[in-house]
Structures are given as structure tokens and as C-alpha cells.
Amino acid sequence: MAIQQDLDLVEVAPQADPPVVRIMDFGKFKYEQDQAKKEARKKQSQVVVKEMKMRPKIDSHDYETKKGHVVRFLRLGAKVKVTIMFRGREMVHPELGERLLLRLAEDVQEIAKIDVPPKLDGRNMTMVLGPFKEAIVHKTPAETQVRQRRQQPIPTQPPEEEEEVAVPEPAKPARPPKVTRAASDLGEESDDA
């Protein structure tokens, strides 16, 4: 029957009793499956994790700058892993690093939540912040075009050169050379003073 219709006989469920088969165009079926998988991949969103590193003794201006970077990353939809790096005797006071991480979390609480609370791992203390869906700002089409232009490969051939017309430079007035005389050992002063 499948041969008469120029179709394939495909075994759908071989474990069933009796086995289940289906008459279909197998090539068309595989093509449609591939297209469905491709569409599903397009709709998936990849989670990007950006990292911001700080020290426990960070200055207020530096902290504000780093916080601005964290806010920018969160608004673009990326998760942010904030790392506090301890050196030497700073390990004696890990509560300073935890206080700094919690302060950052409090400063960005309108746009992010704590995914992974502060945790000490060797000489580093880490925390992961995840953005709220409402806080994510999608890029404007103009920003996307600029990024695409930057990512285009640079052409290997130089552009065609046009003939250049030689334009003479204006003549500079002649200036006498400046003469500097060194004072001699006799204590004479120079004339250029």
C-alpha cells in the first residue's frame, strides 16, 4: 500500500505490541523535524554570566563605577557574578566582603535579585545576581546595527584609490635660526636671557 502511494512505511513505536507503523513521506518528516528544532533554537535565550571583581577596601568612587557596570550588565539581561578578592590579612575579616556584597545587592534590588548568596571560596567571596525580566532593556535597532558593523570582517583588499590632485602647501616665512650660546667658565652671562 505504501509503495502504491510512493510513500514510506515508518515504524513509530517498535516496543508496542503489535508494533505501530505509519505511512508517510519520511524525507518530508525529517525536514519538518529539523525546521522545528531550528525554530526552537532561535527562541532559546542564552544566559550570559558577566563577572565583576572587587577588593574589600574599594574606594567609594571605584565602587560606584563598578556598580554602574553591574547595572548595565543586568539591564542587558546578563547574570552578574560579583567576586571579592581577599589578600593577606584581609582574610581575617571576611565579614567586610560580605557586607560589601550585600550593600551592592541592596543598591540594585530594583533590577536584580540574589541568585546565589555570598559564599566564601578560598580567598574569594562570590555572589551571583540575576536580573528581573521587567528590568531588562532591549537594544534599539540603531545599537544593533552599530554592533553588526563593528563585527563585520575588515576587507583584505584596499579600496580603489582615486587620483589625487597635488595641492601645493603655502610657503612658510623663513625664520632665522635661534642661536644659543653657552656661558663660558669665565662667568660671562648669555645674551639670550
Protein backbone atom coordinates (compact mmCIF):
# COMPACT_ATOMS: atom_id res chain seq x y z
CA MET A 1 0.00 0.00 0.00
CA ALA A 2 2.86 2.42 0.85
CA ILE A 3 4.64 1.59 -2.40
CA GLN A 4 1.47 2.32 -4.42
CA GLN A 5 1.24 5.82 -2.85
CA ASP A 6 5.01 6.38 -3.29
CA LEU A 7 5.43 6.83 0.49
CA ASP A 8 7.48 5.14 3.22
CA LEU A 9 6.36 2.67 5.87
CA VAL A 10 7.89 4.00 9.14
CA GLU A 11 7.91 2.07 12.42
CA VAL A 12 6.73 4.60 15.05
CA ALA A 13 6.61 2.50 18.23
CA PRO A 14 8.60 -0.74 17.93
CA GLN A 15 8.11 -1.65 21.63
CA ALA A 16 4.31 -1.69 21.38
CA ASP A 17 2.50 -4.98 20.96
CA PRO A 18 1.75 -5.15 18.00
CA PRO A 19 4.38 -2.66 16.66
CA VAL A 20 2.93 0.59 15.38
CA VAL A 21 3.79 1.70 11.84
CA ARG A 22 2.80 4.75 9.84
CA ILE A 23 2.65 5.50 6.13
CA MET A 24 4.37 8.84 5.43
CA ASP A 25 6.95 10.66 3.34
CA PHE A 26 9.97 10.11 5.60
CA GLY A 27 12.15 12.75 3.91
CA LYS A 28 9.47 15.39 4.41
CA PHE A 29 9.01 14.26 8.03
CA LYS A 30 12.76 14.59 8.79
CA TYR A 31 12.85 18.03 7.10
CA GLU A 32 9.94 19.30 9.20
CA GLN A 33 11.57 17.98 12.39
CA ASP A 34 14.82 19.79 11.55
CA GLN A 35 12.91 23.03 10.87
CA ALA A 36 11.07 22.73 14.21
CA LYS A 37 14.38 22.20 16.05
CA LYS A 38 15.89 25.23 14.30
CA GLU A 39 12.94 27.41 15.34
CA ALA A 40 13.21 26.18 18.92
CA ARG A 41 16.92 27.12 18.98
CA LYS A 42 16.10 30.63 17.71
CA LYS A 43 13.64 31.17 20.54
CA GLN A 44 16.05 29.98 23.23
CA SER A 45 17.83 32.64 25.22
CA GLN A 46 21.41 32.03 26.23
CA VAL A 47 22.28 33.02 29.77
CA VAL A 48 25.39 35.16 29.83
CA VAL A 49 27.30 35.45 33.10
CA LYS A 50 29.47 38.55 33.45
CA GLU A 51 31.98 38.83 36.29
CA MET A 52 32.87 41.90 38.34
CA LYS A 53 35.87 41.70 40.68
CA MET A 54 36.44 43.96 43.68
CA ARG A 55 38.62 44.23 46.75
CA PRO A 56 37.26 44.68 50.29
CA LYS A 57 38.99 48.07 50.64
CA ILE A 58 37.42 49.54 47.49
CA ASP A 59 37.06 53.33 47.39
CA SER A 60 33.57 54.86 47.10
CA HIS A 61 34.16 56.23 43.58
CA ASP A 62 35.52 52.90 42.35
CA TYR A 63 32.55 51.15 43.95
CA GLU A 64 30.11 53.46 42.13
CA THR A 65 31.89 52.78 38.82
CA LYS A 66 31.76 49.01 39.33
CA LYS A 67 28.12 49.26 40.41
CA GLY A 68 27.37 51.13 37.17
CA HIS A 69 28.91 48.29 35.18
CA VAL A 70 26.85 45.74 37.13
CA VAL A 71 23.64 47.72 36.47
CA ARG A 72 24.49 47.90 32.75
CA PHE A 73 25.08 44.14 32.57
CA LEU A 74 21.83 43.42 34.41
CA ARG A 75 19.84 45.75 32.13
CA LEU A 76 21.20 43.85 29.13
CA GLY A 77 19.83 40.62 30.65
CA ALA A 78 23.09 39.04 31.83
CA LYS A 79 23.64 37.48 35.21
CA VAL A 80 26.48 39.04 37.18
CA LYS A 81 28.93 37.13 39.35
CA VAL A 82 30.46 39.56 41.84
CA THR A 83 33.77 38.43 43.35
CA ILE A 84 35.53 39.95 46.33
CA MET A 85 39.24 39.05 46.31
CA PHE A 86 40.99 38.89 49.68
CA ARG A 87 44.75 39.24 50.11
CA GLY A 88 46.92 38.56 53.10
CA ARG A 89 45.40 39.69 56.38
CA GLU A 90 42.13 40.68 54.72
CA MET A 91 41.15 37.01 55.15
CA VAL A 92 40.80 37.67 58.89
CA HIS A 93 37.72 39.84 58.20
CA PRO A 94 35.53 38.11 55.59
CA GLU A 95 32.52 39.97 57.02
CA LEU A 96 33.81 43.13 55.27
CA GLY A 97 33.49 41.39 51.91
CA GLU A 98 30.07 40.02 52.76
CA ARG A 99 28.93 43.49 53.86
CA LEU A 100 30.16 44.92 50.54
CA LEU A 101 28.31 42.26 48.52
CA LEU A 102 25.08 42.77 50.46
CA ARG A 103 25.41 46.54 50.00
CA LEU A 104 25.71 46.02 46.24
CA ALA A 105 22.68 43.70 46.25
CA GLU A 106 20.71 46.34 48.16
CA ASP A 107 21.77 49.06 45.71
CA VAL A 108 20.48 47.06 42.71
CA GLN A 109 17.46 45.45 44.37
CA GLU A 110 15.03 47.23 41.98
CA ILE A 111 16.50 45.47 38.95
CA ALA A 112 18.05 42.26 40.33
CA LYS A 113 17.71 39.53 42.91
CA ILE A 114 20.36 37.41 44.59
CA ASP A 115 20.56 34.06 42.78
CA VAL A 116 23.46 32.70 44.83
CA PRO A 117 24.06 34.31 48.24
CA PRO A 118 27.58 35.40 49.30
CA LYS A 119 29.82 32.37 49.78
CA LEU A 120 33.50 32.20 50.73
CA ASP A 121 35.52 30.02 48.37
CA GLY A 122 39.18 30.01 49.33
CA ARG A 123 40.45 33.59 49.11
CA ASN A 124 37.42 34.78 47.12
CA MET A 125 33.85 35.51 48.17
CA THR A 126 31.29 35.28 45.37
CA MET A 127 27.65 36.19 44.87
CA VAL A 128 25.50 35.89 41.73
CA LEU A 129 22.86 38.46 40.83
CA GLY A 130 20.09 37.73 38.32
CA PRO A 131 18.02 40.42 36.58
CA PHE A 132 14.24 40.75 36.86
CA LYS A 133 12.51 40.36 33.49
CA GLU A 134 10.94 43.83 33.82
CA ALA A 135 14.37 45.45 34.27
CA ILE A 136 15.86 44.11 31.03
CA VAL A 137 16.16 46.84 28.40
CA HIS A 138 16.30 45.53 24.87
CA LYS A 139 18.70 47.19 22.47
CA THR A 140 17.41 49.69 19.97
CA PRO A 141 17.78 48.80 16.28
CA ALA A 142 20.42 51.54 15.89
CA GLU A 143 22.63 49.96 18.61
CA THR A 144 22.25 46.57 16.94
CA GLN A 145 23.33 47.98 13.56
CA VAL A 146 26.40 49.63 15.09
CA ARG A 147 27.39 46.35 16.76
CA GLN A 148 26.92 44.45 13.50
CA ARG A 149 29.10 46.95 11.63
CA ARG A 150 31.84 46.52 14.21
CA GLN A 151 31.71 42.73 13.90
CA GLN A 152 31.97 42.70 10.09
CA PRO A 153 35.35 41.49 8.85
CA ILE A 154 37.75 44.11 7.55
CA PRO A 155 38.16 43.83 3.78
CA THR A 156 41.54 42.45 2.78
CA GLN A 157 41.77 44.44 -0.45
CA PRO A 158 42.34 48.17 -0.16
CA PRO A 159 39.55 50.27 -1.69
CA GLU A 160 40.14 51.58 -5.18
CA GLU A 161 42.22 54.71 -4.96
CA GLU A 162 41.12 57.84 -6.73
CA GLU A 163 43.64 60.10 -8.41
CA GLU A 164 44.85 62.71 -6.01
CA VAL A 165 45.40 66.23 -7.16
CA ALA A 166 48.60 67.69 -5.74
CA VAL A 167 47.87 70.88 -3.85
CA PRO A 168 50.95 72.94 -3.08
CA GLU A 169 51.44 73.83 0.55
CA PRO A 170 51.62 77.53 1.36
CA ALA A 171 55.18 78.75 1.70
CA LYS A 172 56.29 79.36 5.28
CA PRO A 173 58.16 82.55 6.00
CA ALA A 174 61.85 82.00 6.52
CA ARG A 175 62.87 82.42 10.14
CA PRO A 176 66.40 82.99 11.29
CA PRO A 177 67.77 80.11 13.35
CA LYS A 178 67.93 80.69 17.10
CA VAL A 179 71.46 80.72 18.40
CA THR A 180 72.09 79.73 22.00
CA ARG A 181 75.47 80.43 23.48
CA ALA A 182 76.78 78.53 26.45
CA ALA A 183 78.27 80.58 29.28
CA SER A 184 82.00 80.17 29.45
CA ASP A 185 83.96 79.23 32.54
CA LEU A 186 84.89 82.87 32.97
CA GLY A 187 81.45 83.69 34.36
CA GLU A 188 80.02 85.51 31.34
CA GLU A 189 76.24 85.56 31.05
CA SER A 190 74.48 84.58 27.86
CA ASP A 191 72.85 87.23 25.65
CA ASP A 192 69.52 85.31 25.38
CA ALA A 193 68.45 85.96 28.99
